[in-house]
Amino acid sequence: MKFTVASILAAGATTAWATPVDGATALLNRDTTLANQTLADWVADTALPLFFPNHTGWDTYYDQFFSPDLTATFGINSYNFTTLKAYWTATQSALASQFEFFAVEITNRVALAAPGGVGGQVLLTGMEYGVLRSTGEEVVGTNGAYGVIEEVDGQRLITEWHDFTNAGTDGTASA
């Protein structure tokens, strides 16, 4: 958690040392908050709610937001564009059969926008929770996702995605 806080602070502003003027060193602060927040918002508020496999039509949005050259992991398993989509298809069925409801809530977001482009890096952390159909037990865990976003043919696409959770899985579940 301390790493995340440090990342948030570092992502909010980029500091650069200027050439000394009159024997003093001036600290210049180039605020990148808007670019970083815009990128983080795009992933957390625009892309993720549409491509996360929890509603009808998610697979169409998946195709829209992920690069065909995607490299991805969920826990310790590696995926490409096709195999991650297949895994998420199976995940949707598993969640629907095992949980009365299941939700993911993004609580923190950090972004580092690429200079002069529409891409960059985004880290999302949050909670996931649901109620098991079999026992009525509430399951709560933390999760995180890291993505690399690049401009591909004038379009903002996720080219790398790493997703992990501690909610009832050791990261080795397979579709």
N, C-alpha and C. Protein backbone atom coordinates (compact mmCIF):
# COMPACT_ATOMS: atom_id res chain seq x y z
N MET A 1 0.82 -1.19 0.00
CA MET A 1 0.00 0.00 0.00
C MET A 1 0.86 1.25 0.00
N LYS A 2 2.00 1.25 0.68
CA LYS A 2 2.87 2.40 0.68
C LYS A 2 3.38 2.70 -0.72
N PHE A 3 3.61 1.64 -1.51
CA PHE A 3 4.06 1.82 -2.89
C PHE A 3 3.02 2.58 -3.70
N THR A 4 1.74 2.24 -3.50
CA THR A 4 0.67 2.91 -4.23
C THR A 4 0.61 4.38 -3.88
N VAL A 5 0.72 4.70 -2.59
CA VAL A 5 0.70 6.10 -2.18
C VAL A 5 1.86 6.86 -2.81
N ALA A 6 3.04 6.26 -2.81
CA ALA A 6 4.20 6.92 -3.43
C ALA A 6 3.97 7.11 -4.91
N SER A 7 3.35 6.15 -5.54
CA SER A 7 3.07 6.26 -6.97
C SER A 7 2.09 7.39 -7.24
N ILE A 8 1.08 7.51 -6.39
CA ILE A 8 0.10 8.58 -6.58
C ILE A 8 0.79 9.93 -6.47
N LEU A 9 1.63 10.08 -5.48
CA LEU A 9 2.33 11.35 -5.32
C LEU A 9 3.25 11.63 -6.50
N ALA A 10 3.94 10.61 -6.97
CA ALA A 10 4.86 10.80 -8.08
C ALA A 10 4.12 11.07 -9.37
N ALA A 11 2.95 10.48 -9.53
CA ALA A 11 2.22 10.65 -10.78
C ALA A 11 1.54 12.01 -10.87
N GLY A 12 1.30 12.66 -9.74
CA GLY A 12 0.59 13.92 -9.74
C GLY A 12 1.38 15.07 -10.33
N ALA A 13 2.67 15.03 -10.19
CA ALA A 13 3.50 16.12 -10.69
C ALA A 13 4.88 15.58 -11.03
N THR A 14 5.40 16.01 -12.13
CA THR A 14 6.75 15.61 -12.52
C THR A 14 7.69 16.75 -12.19
N THR A 15 8.70 16.48 -11.41
CA THR A 15 9.64 17.53 -11.05
C THR A 15 10.88 17.43 -11.91
N ALA A 16 11.41 18.58 -12.26
CA ALA A 16 12.64 18.63 -13.06
C ALA A 16 13.53 19.72 -12.49
N TRP A 17 14.81 19.43 -12.41
CA TRP A 17 15.75 20.43 -11.91
C TRP A 17 16.16 21.32 -13.06
N ALA A 18 16.08 22.61 -12.84
CA ALA A 18 16.45 23.58 -13.87
C ALA A 18 17.93 23.90 -13.77
N THR A 19 18.45 24.50 -14.81
CA THR A 19 19.83 24.96 -14.79
C THR A 19 19.97 26.02 -13.70
N PRO A 20 21.02 25.95 -12.88
CA PRO A 20 21.18 26.94 -11.82
C PRO A 20 21.18 28.37 -12.36
N VAL A 21 20.47 29.24 -11.69
CA VAL A 21 20.40 30.64 -12.07
C VAL A 21 20.93 31.46 -10.90
N ASP A 22 21.91 32.31 -11.16
CA ASP A 22 22.51 33.15 -10.12
C ASP A 22 22.94 32.34 -8.90
N GLY A 23 23.53 31.18 -9.14
CA GLY A 23 24.05 30.37 -8.05
C GLY A 23 23.00 29.59 -7.29
N ALA A 24 21.75 29.75 -7.63
CA ALA A 24 20.69 29.02 -6.93
C ALA A 24 20.09 27.99 -7.88
N THR A 25 19.65 26.91 -7.34
CA THR A 25 19.00 25.90 -8.15
C THR A 25 17.50 26.06 -8.01
N ALA A 26 16.85 26.26 -9.12
CA ALA A 26 15.40 26.43 -9.11
C ALA A 26 14.74 25.08 -9.38
N LEU A 27 13.73 24.81 -8.66
CA LEU A 27 12.97 23.59 -8.87
C LEU A 27 11.74 23.93 -9.70
N LEU A 28 11.67 23.30 -10.86
CA LEU A 28 10.51 23.52 -11.72
C LEU A 28 9.55 22.36 -11.54
N ASN A 29 8.31 22.68 -11.48
CA ASN A 29 7.29 21.66 -11.30
C ASN A 29 6.35 21.71 -12.50
N ARG A 30 6.42 20.69 -13.33
CA ARG A 30 5.55 20.62 -14.50
C ARG A 30 4.37 19.73 -14.12
N ASP A 31 3.22 20.34 -13.96
CA ASP A 31 2.05 19.60 -13.49
C ASP A 31 1.49 18.74 -14.62
N THR A 32 1.45 17.46 -14.37
CA THR A 32 0.90 16.53 -15.36
C THR A 32 -0.40 15.91 -14.86
N THR A 33 -0.97 16.48 -13.84
CA THR A 33 -2.16 15.90 -13.24
C THR A 33 -3.29 15.72 -14.24
N LEU A 34 -3.56 16.73 -15.07
CA LEU A 34 -4.68 16.63 -16.01
C LEU A 34 -4.48 15.50 -17.00
N ALA A 35 -3.31 15.43 -17.61
CA ALA A 35 -3.05 14.36 -18.58
C ALA A 35 -3.13 13.00 -17.91
N ASN A 36 -2.56 12.89 -16.72
CA ASN A 36 -2.57 11.62 -16.01
C ASN A 36 -3.98 11.22 -15.59
N GLN A 37 -4.73 12.18 -15.06
CA GLN A 37 -6.08 11.88 -14.60
C GLN A 37 -6.98 11.54 -15.78
N THR A 38 -6.80 12.23 -16.90
CA THR A 38 -7.60 11.94 -18.08
C THR A 38 -7.37 10.50 -18.54
N LEU A 39 -6.13 10.05 -18.55
CA LEU A 39 -5.82 8.68 -18.94
C LEU A 39 -6.38 7.69 -17.93
N ALA A 40 -6.21 7.97 -16.65
CA ALA A 40 -6.76 7.09 -15.61
C ALA A 40 -8.28 7.03 -15.69
N ASP A 41 -8.91 8.17 -15.92
CA ASP A 41 -10.37 8.20 -16.05
C ASP A 41 -10.83 7.40 -17.26
N TRP A 42 -10.08 7.51 -18.36
CA TRP A 42 -10.45 6.76 -19.56
C TRP A 42 -10.49 5.27 -19.26
N VAL A 43 -9.48 4.76 -18.57
CA VAL A 43 -9.46 3.32 -18.25
C VAL A 43 -10.51 2.98 -17.20
N ALA A 44 -10.52 3.71 -16.08
CA ALA A 44 -11.38 3.34 -14.94
C ALA A 44 -12.86 3.63 -15.17
N ASP A 45 -13.17 4.74 -15.84
CA ASP A 45 -14.56 5.17 -15.96
C ASP A 45 -15.18 4.90 -17.33
N THR A 46 -14.36 4.80 -18.36
CA THR A 46 -14.89 4.60 -19.70
C THR A 46 -14.69 3.17 -20.17
N ALA A 47 -13.44 2.73 -20.24
CA ALA A 47 -13.15 1.41 -20.80
C ALA A 47 -13.55 0.26 -19.88
N LEU A 48 -13.05 0.25 -18.64
CA LEU A 48 -13.26 -0.88 -17.73
C LEU A 48 -14.73 -1.23 -17.52
N PRO A 49 -15.61 -0.26 -17.24
CA PRO A 49 -17.02 -0.63 -17.03
C PRO A 49 -17.66 -1.26 -18.27
N LEU A 50 -17.14 -0.97 -19.44
CA LEU A 50 -17.71 -1.52 -20.66
C LEU A 50 -17.16 -2.89 -21.01
N PHE A 51 -15.84 -3.10 -20.81
CA PHE A 51 -15.28 -4.39 -21.21
C PHE A 51 -15.20 -5.40 -20.07
N PHE A 52 -15.44 -4.99 -18.84
CA PHE A 52 -15.43 -5.96 -17.74
C PHE A 52 -16.59 -6.92 -17.94
N PRO A 53 -16.34 -8.23 -17.86
CA PRO A 53 -17.38 -9.20 -18.24
C PRO A 53 -18.51 -9.35 -17.22
N ASN A 54 -19.25 -8.26 -17.01
CA ASN A 54 -20.35 -8.34 -16.06
C ASN A 54 -21.66 -7.84 -16.65
N HIS A 55 -21.72 -7.65 -17.95
CA HIS A 55 -22.97 -7.22 -18.56
C HIS A 55 -23.03 -7.69 -20.02
N THR A 56 -24.21 -7.71 -20.56
CA THR A 56 -24.41 -8.12 -21.94
C THR A 56 -23.69 -7.15 -22.87
N GLY A 57 -22.99 -7.69 -23.84
CA GLY A 57 -22.30 -6.86 -24.82
C GLY A 57 -20.87 -6.52 -24.46
N TRP A 58 -20.38 -7.00 -23.32
CA TRP A 58 -19.02 -6.66 -22.89
C TRP A 58 -18.00 -7.08 -23.93
N ASP A 59 -18.25 -8.20 -24.62
CA ASP A 59 -17.27 -8.73 -25.57
C ASP A 59 -17.07 -7.81 -26.77
N THR A 60 -18.10 -7.08 -27.16
CA THR A 60 -17.96 -6.10 -28.24
C THR A 60 -17.04 -4.97 -27.80
N TYR A 61 -17.20 -4.53 -26.57
CA TYR A 61 -16.33 -3.47 -26.05
C TYR A 61 -14.91 -3.97 -25.83
N TYR A 62 -14.77 -5.20 -25.44
CA TYR A 62 -13.45 -5.81 -25.31
C TYR A 62 -12.69 -5.65 -26.63
N ASP A 63 -13.35 -5.99 -27.72
CA ASP A 63 -12.74 -5.86 -29.05
C ASP A 63 -12.37 -4.42 -29.37
N GLN A 64 -13.14 -3.49 -28.86
CA GLN A 64 -12.93 -2.07 -29.13
C GLN A 64 -11.76 -1.49 -28.33
N PHE A 65 -11.53 -1.96 -27.11
CA PHE A 65 -10.54 -1.34 -26.23
C PHE A 65 -9.20 -2.06 -26.17
N PHE A 66 -9.15 -3.34 -26.53
CA PHE A 66 -7.90 -4.09 -26.45
C PHE A 66 -7.26 -4.26 -27.82
N SER A 67 -5.95 -4.14 -27.86
CA SER A 67 -5.19 -4.35 -29.09
C SER A 67 -5.18 -5.83 -29.44
N PRO A 68 -5.27 -6.16 -30.73
CA PRO A 68 -5.15 -7.57 -31.14
C PRO A 68 -3.79 -8.16 -30.75
N ASP A 69 -2.80 -7.31 -30.50
CA ASP A 69 -1.46 -7.75 -30.10
C ASP A 69 -1.30 -7.75 -28.58
N LEU A 70 -2.39 -7.81 -27.84
CA LEU A 70 -2.40 -7.75 -26.38
C LEU A 70 -1.52 -8.83 -25.75
N THR A 71 -0.78 -8.42 -24.72
CA THR A 71 -0.14 -9.38 -23.82
C THR A 71 -0.76 -9.13 -22.45
N ALA A 72 -1.14 -10.21 -21.76
CA ALA A 72 -1.88 -10.05 -20.52
C ALA A 72 -1.57 -11.17 -19.54
N THR A 73 -1.84 -10.87 -18.27
CA THR A 73 -1.79 -11.89 -17.23
C THR A 73 -2.99 -11.71 -16.32
N PHE A 74 -3.45 -12.81 -15.76
CA PHE A 74 -4.39 -12.77 -14.65
C PHE A 74 -3.78 -13.69 -13.61
N GLY A 75 -3.37 -13.11 -12.50
CA GLY A 75 -2.60 -13.89 -11.53
C GLY A 75 -1.29 -14.31 -12.18
N ILE A 76 -1.00 -15.60 -12.16
CA ILE A 76 0.26 -16.07 -12.75
C ILE A 76 0.09 -16.62 -14.16
N ASN A 77 -1.14 -16.63 -14.67
CA ASN A 77 -1.39 -17.16 -16.01
C ASN A 77 -1.24 -16.08 -17.06
N SER A 78 -0.68 -16.45 -18.21
CA SER A 78 -0.45 -15.52 -19.31
C SER A 78 -1.50 -15.72 -20.40
N TYR A 79 -1.86 -14.61 -21.04
CA TYR A 79 -2.90 -14.63 -22.06
C TYR A 79 -2.51 -13.71 -23.22
N ASN A 80 -3.18 -13.92 -24.35
CA ASN A 80 -3.13 -12.98 -25.46
C ASN A 80 -4.55 -12.45 -25.65
N PHE A 81 -4.78 -11.72 -26.72
CA PHE A 81 -6.10 -11.13 -26.97
C PHE A 81 -7.21 -12.19 -26.93
N THR A 82 -7.01 -13.26 -27.65
CA THR A 82 -8.03 -14.30 -27.79
C THR A 82 -8.22 -15.10 -26.51
N THR A 83 -7.12 -15.50 -25.87
CA THR A 83 -7.25 -16.35 -24.68
C THR A 83 -7.75 -15.58 -23.45
N LEU A 84 -7.43 -14.28 -23.34
CA LEU A 84 -7.98 -13.50 -22.23
C LEU A 84 -9.48 -13.33 -22.42
N LYS A 85 -9.91 -13.10 -23.64
CA LYS A 85 -11.34 -12.97 -23.91
C LYS A 85 -12.06 -14.28 -23.56
N ALA A 86 -11.47 -15.41 -23.91
CA ALA A 86 -12.06 -16.72 -23.59
C ALA A 86 -12.11 -16.92 -22.07
N TYR A 87 -11.04 -16.53 -21.38
CA TYR A 87 -11.00 -16.65 -19.92
C TYR A 87 -12.11 -15.81 -19.30
N TRP A 88 -12.26 -14.56 -19.77
CA TRP A 88 -13.30 -13.69 -19.22
C TRP A 88 -14.70 -14.20 -19.56
N THR A 89 -14.86 -14.84 -20.71
CA THR A 89 -16.15 -15.45 -21.04
C THR A 89 -16.50 -16.51 -20.01
N ALA A 90 -15.54 -17.36 -19.68
CA ALA A 90 -15.75 -18.39 -18.66
C ALA A 90 -15.95 -17.77 -17.28
N THR A 91 -15.23 -16.69 -17.00
CA THR A 91 -15.34 -16.01 -15.72
C THR A 91 -16.75 -15.48 -15.51
N GLN A 92 -17.33 -14.92 -16.56
CA GLN A 92 -18.68 -14.37 -16.46
C GLN A 92 -19.66 -15.47 -16.04
N SER A 93 -19.57 -16.62 -16.66
CA SER A 93 -20.45 -17.74 -16.31
C SER A 93 -20.21 -18.22 -14.88
N ALA A 94 -18.94 -18.32 -14.50
CA ALA A 94 -18.60 -18.77 -13.15
C ALA A 94 -19.12 -17.80 -12.09
N LEU A 95 -18.94 -16.52 -12.32
CA LEU A 95 -19.41 -15.52 -11.36
C LEU A 95 -20.93 -15.58 -11.24
N ALA A 96 -21.61 -15.69 -12.37
CA ALA A 96 -23.08 -15.72 -12.35
C ALA A 96 -23.60 -16.96 -11.63
N SER A 97 -22.90 -18.08 -11.76
CA SER A 97 -23.38 -19.30 -11.11
C SER A 97 -23.02 -19.36 -9.62
N GLN A 98 -21.92 -18.73 -9.22
CA GLN A 98 -21.45 -18.84 -7.85
C GLN A 98 -21.90 -17.70 -6.93
N PHE A 99 -22.22 -16.54 -7.52
CA PHE A 99 -22.53 -15.37 -6.70
C PHE A 99 -23.93 -14.86 -6.97
N GLU A 100 -24.60 -14.41 -5.90
CA GLU A 100 -25.86 -13.70 -6.06
C GLU A 100 -25.60 -12.37 -6.76
N PHE A 101 -24.53 -11.73 -6.37
CA PHE A 101 -24.04 -10.56 -7.09
C PHE A 101 -22.54 -10.50 -6.89
N PHE A 102 -21.86 -9.82 -7.79
CA PHE A 102 -20.41 -9.65 -7.71
C PHE A 102 -20.09 -8.28 -8.26
N ALA A 103 -19.27 -7.52 -7.57
CA ALA A 103 -18.94 -6.17 -8.00
C ALA A 103 -17.46 -5.89 -7.81
N VAL A 104 -16.95 -5.03 -8.66
CA VAL A 104 -15.58 -4.54 -8.55
C VAL A 104 -15.68 -3.02 -8.41
N GLU A 105 -15.03 -2.49 -7.40
CA GLU A 105 -15.05 -1.05 -7.15
C GLU A 105 -13.63 -0.52 -7.20
N ILE A 106 -13.37 0.41 -8.10
CA ILE A 106 -12.06 1.04 -8.21
C ILE A 106 -11.98 2.13 -7.15
N THR A 107 -10.99 2.02 -6.26
CA THR A 107 -10.84 3.01 -5.19
C THR A 107 -9.66 3.94 -5.41
N ASN A 108 -8.66 3.50 -6.16
CA ASN A 108 -7.50 4.34 -6.45
C ASN A 108 -7.08 4.14 -7.89
N ARG A 109 -6.60 5.20 -8.47
CA ARG A 109 -6.11 5.15 -9.84
C ARG A 109 -4.90 6.04 -9.98
N VAL A 110 -3.93 5.55 -10.70
CA VAL A 110 -2.70 6.29 -10.94
C VAL A 110 -2.39 6.16 -12.42
N ALA A 111 -1.99 7.25 -13.04
CA ALA A 111 -1.63 7.19 -14.45
C ALA A 111 -0.38 7.99 -14.70
N LEU A 112 0.36 7.56 -15.68
CA LEU A 112 1.52 8.29 -16.16
C LEU A 112 1.35 8.39 -17.66
N ALA A 113 0.95 9.57 -18.12
CA ALA A 113 0.69 9.78 -19.54
C ALA A 113 2.00 9.81 -20.32
N ALA A 114 1.96 9.25 -21.52
CA ALA A 114 3.12 9.29 -22.41
C ALA A 114 3.27 10.72 -22.93
N PRO A 115 4.50 11.20 -23.02
CA PRO A 115 4.71 12.56 -23.54
C PRO A 115 4.23 12.67 -24.98
N GLY A 116 3.39 13.65 -25.25
CA GLY A 116 2.96 13.95 -26.60
C GLY A 116 2.07 12.92 -27.25
N GLY A 117 1.50 12.02 -26.49
CA GLY A 117 0.66 10.99 -27.09
C GLY A 117 -0.60 10.76 -26.30
N VAL A 118 -1.37 9.80 -26.73
CA VAL A 118 -2.62 9.50 -26.04
C VAL A 118 -2.48 8.29 -25.13
N GLY A 119 -1.30 7.72 -25.07
CA GLY A 119 -1.08 6.51 -24.28
C GLY A 119 -0.43 6.79 -22.95
N GLY A 120 0.07 5.72 -22.35
CA GLY A 120 0.74 5.81 -21.08
C GLY A 120 0.53 4.55 -20.28
N GLN A 121 0.66 4.68 -18.96
CA GLN A 121 0.51 3.55 -18.05
C GLN A 121 -0.53 3.89 -16.99
N VAL A 122 -1.33 2.90 -16.62
CA VAL A 122 -2.37 3.11 -15.62
C VAL A 122 -2.34 1.97 -14.61
N LEU A 123 -2.47 2.32 -13.34
CA LEU A 123 -2.58 1.34 -12.26
C LEU A 123 -3.90 1.60 -11.54
N LEU A 124 -4.72 0.57 -11.43
CA LEU A 124 -5.99 0.66 -10.73
C LEU A 124 -5.96 -0.29 -9.54
N THR A 125 -6.44 0.15 -8.40
CA THR A 125 -6.60 -0.74 -7.25
C THR A 125 -8.00 -0.57 -6.71
N GLY A 126 -8.47 -1.58 -6.02
CA GLY A 126 -9.81 -1.47 -5.48
C GLY A 126 -10.23 -2.70 -4.72
N MET A 127 -11.53 -2.82 -4.58
CA MET A 127 -12.14 -3.92 -3.84
C MET A 127 -13.04 -4.69 -4.79
N GLU A 128 -13.16 -5.97 -4.52
CA GLU A 128 -14.18 -6.75 -5.20
C GLU A 128 -14.92 -7.53 -4.13
N TYR A 129 -16.21 -7.66 -4.33
CA TYR A 129 -17.02 -8.28 -3.30
C TYR A 129 -18.27 -8.89 -3.92
N GLY A 130 -18.81 -9.85 -3.21
CA GLY A 130 -20.03 -10.50 -3.66
C GLY A 130 -20.57 -11.39 -2.57
N VAL A 131 -21.74 -11.98 -2.83
CA VAL A 131 -22.38 -12.89 -1.89
C VAL A 131 -22.52 -14.24 -2.59
N LEU A 132 -21.96 -15.27 -1.95
CA LEU A 132 -22.02 -16.62 -2.51
C LEU A 132 -23.45 -17.16 -2.48
N ARG A 133 -23.86 -17.74 -3.57
CA ARG A 133 -25.20 -18.34 -3.65
C ARG A 133 -25.34 -19.52 -2.69
N SER A 134 -24.31 -20.32 -2.56
CA SER A 134 -24.40 -21.56 -1.78
C SER A 134 -24.54 -21.34 -0.28
N THR A 135 -23.88 -20.32 0.25
CA THR A 135 -23.86 -20.13 1.71
C THR A 135 -24.38 -18.78 2.17
N GLY A 136 -24.51 -17.83 1.25
CA GLY A 136 -24.89 -16.48 1.65
C GLY A 136 -23.72 -15.69 2.22
N GLU A 137 -22.55 -16.32 2.23
CA GLU A 137 -21.35 -15.68 2.77
C GLU A 137 -20.89 -14.54 1.85
N GLU A 138 -20.48 -13.44 2.48
CA GLU A 138 -19.93 -12.32 1.73
C GLU A 138 -18.44 -12.56 1.51
N VAL A 139 -18.00 -12.40 0.29
CA VAL A 139 -16.59 -12.55 -0.07
C VAL A 139 -16.07 -11.16 -0.42
N VAL A 140 -14.99 -10.76 0.22
CA VAL A 140 -14.40 -9.45 -0.03
C VAL A 140 -12.91 -9.62 -0.26
N GLY A 141 -12.39 -8.94 -1.24
CA GLY A 141 -10.96 -9.00 -1.50
C GLY A 141 -10.48 -7.70 -2.13
N THR A 142 -9.20 -7.62 -2.29
CA THR A 142 -8.62 -6.47 -2.98
C THR A 142 -8.18 -6.92 -4.37
N ASN A 143 -8.11 -5.97 -5.26
CA ASN A 143 -7.67 -6.29 -6.60
C ASN A 143 -6.85 -5.15 -7.17
N GLY A 144 -6.16 -5.44 -8.24
CA GLY A 144 -5.38 -4.43 -8.92
C GLY A 144 -5.26 -4.79 -10.39
N ALA A 145 -5.06 -3.78 -11.18
CA ALA A 145 -4.85 -3.98 -12.61
C ALA A 145 -3.86 -2.93 -13.09
N TYR A 146 -2.96 -3.36 -13.95
CA TYR A 146 -1.97 -2.46 -14.53
C TYR A 146 -2.11 -2.58 -16.05
N GLY A 147 -2.18 -1.46 -16.71
CA GLY A 147 -2.31 -1.48 -18.16
C GLY A 147 -1.37 -0.51 -18.84
N VAL A 148 -0.96 -0.88 -20.04
CA VAL A 148 -0.20 0.00 -20.92
C VAL A 148 -1.12 0.35 -22.07
N ILE A 149 -1.26 1.64 -22.32
CA ILE A 149 -2.14 2.12 -23.36
C ILE A 149 -1.28 2.79 -24.42
N GLU A 150 -1.54 2.46 -25.68
CA GLU A 150 -0.78 3.04 -26.78
C GLU A 150 -1.73 3.53 -27.86
N GLU A 151 -1.23 4.46 -28.64
CA GLU A 151 -1.98 4.90 -29.81
C GLU A 151 -1.66 3.94 -30.95
N VAL A 152 -2.69 3.30 -31.48
CA VAL A 152 -2.54 2.36 -32.58
C VAL A 152 -3.48 2.82 -33.69
N ASP A 153 -2.91 3.22 -34.82
CA ASP A 153 -3.72 3.71 -35.94
C ASP A 153 -4.68 4.82 -35.51
N GLY A 154 -4.19 5.74 -34.70
CA GLY A 154 -4.98 6.88 -34.25
C GLY A 154 -6.00 6.56 -33.17
N GLN A 155 -5.97 5.36 -32.64
CA GLN A 155 -6.94 4.94 -31.63
C GLN A 155 -6.20 4.56 -30.35
N ARG A 156 -6.78 4.90 -29.22
CA ARG A 156 -6.22 4.55 -27.91
C ARG A 156 -6.61 3.10 -27.61
N LEU A 157 -5.59 2.22 -27.47
CA LEU A 157 -5.84 0.80 -27.20
C LEU A 157 -4.99 0.31 -26.04
N ILE A 158 -5.51 -0.66 -25.31
CA ILE A 158 -4.76 -1.31 -24.24
C ILE A 158 -3.92 -2.41 -24.89
N THR A 159 -2.60 -2.29 -24.76
CA THR A 159 -1.69 -3.25 -25.39
C THR A 159 -1.12 -4.25 -24.39
N GLU A 160 -1.22 -3.91 -23.11
CA GLU A 160 -0.72 -4.79 -22.05
C GLU A 160 -1.67 -4.68 -20.87
N TRP A 161 -2.02 -5.82 -20.24
CA TRP A 161 -2.97 -5.81 -19.14
C TRP A 161 -2.57 -6.87 -18.12
N HIS A 162 -2.47 -6.47 -16.86
CA HIS A 162 -2.11 -7.39 -15.78
C HIS A 162 -3.14 -7.20 -14.67
N ASP A 163 -3.84 -8.27 -14.34
CA ASP A 163 -4.95 -8.23 -13.40
C ASP A 163 -4.68 -9.24 -12.29
N PHE A 164 -4.94 -8.85 -11.05
CA PHE A 164 -4.69 -9.75 -9.94
C PHE A 164 -5.65 -9.46 -8.80
N THR A 165 -5.92 -10.50 -8.02
CA THR A 165 -6.87 -10.39 -6.92
C THR A 165 -6.50 -11.37 -5.81
N ASN A 166 -7.02 -11.09 -4.62
CA ASN A 166 -6.86 -12.06 -3.54
C ASN A 166 -8.22 -12.54 -3.04
N ALA A 167 -9.26 -12.33 -3.82
CA ALA A 167 -10.62 -12.71 -3.42
C ALA A 167 -10.92 -14.15 -3.84
N GLY A 168 -10.57 -15.09 -2.99
CA GLY A 168 -10.94 -16.47 -3.21
C GLY A 168 -10.21 -17.18 -4.31
N THR A 169 -9.05 -16.68 -4.71
CA THR A 169 -8.29 -17.35 -5.75
C THR A 169 -6.81 -17.18 -5.49
N ASP A 170 -6.05 -18.12 -5.92
CA ASP A 170 -4.60 -18.00 -5.81
C ASP A 170 -3.98 -17.52 -7.12
N GLY A 171 -4.83 -17.10 -8.05
CA GLY A 171 -4.35 -16.60 -9.33
C GLY A 171 -4.08 -17.69 -10.34
N THR A 172 -4.38 -18.94 -9.98
CA THR A 172 -4.10 -20.03 -10.91
C THR A 172 -5.36 -20.63 -11.52
N ALA A 173 -6.50 -20.02 -11.28
CA ALA A 173 -7.74 -20.54 -11.85
C ALA A 173 -7.65 -20.49 -13.37
N SER A 174 -8.21 -21.46 -14.01
CA SER A 174 -8.18 -21.47 -15.47
C SER A 174 -9.59 -21.62 -16.01
N ALA A 175 -9.76 -21.13 -17.22
CA ALA A 175 -11.08 -21.18 -17.85
C ALA A 175 -11.38 -22.58 -18.34
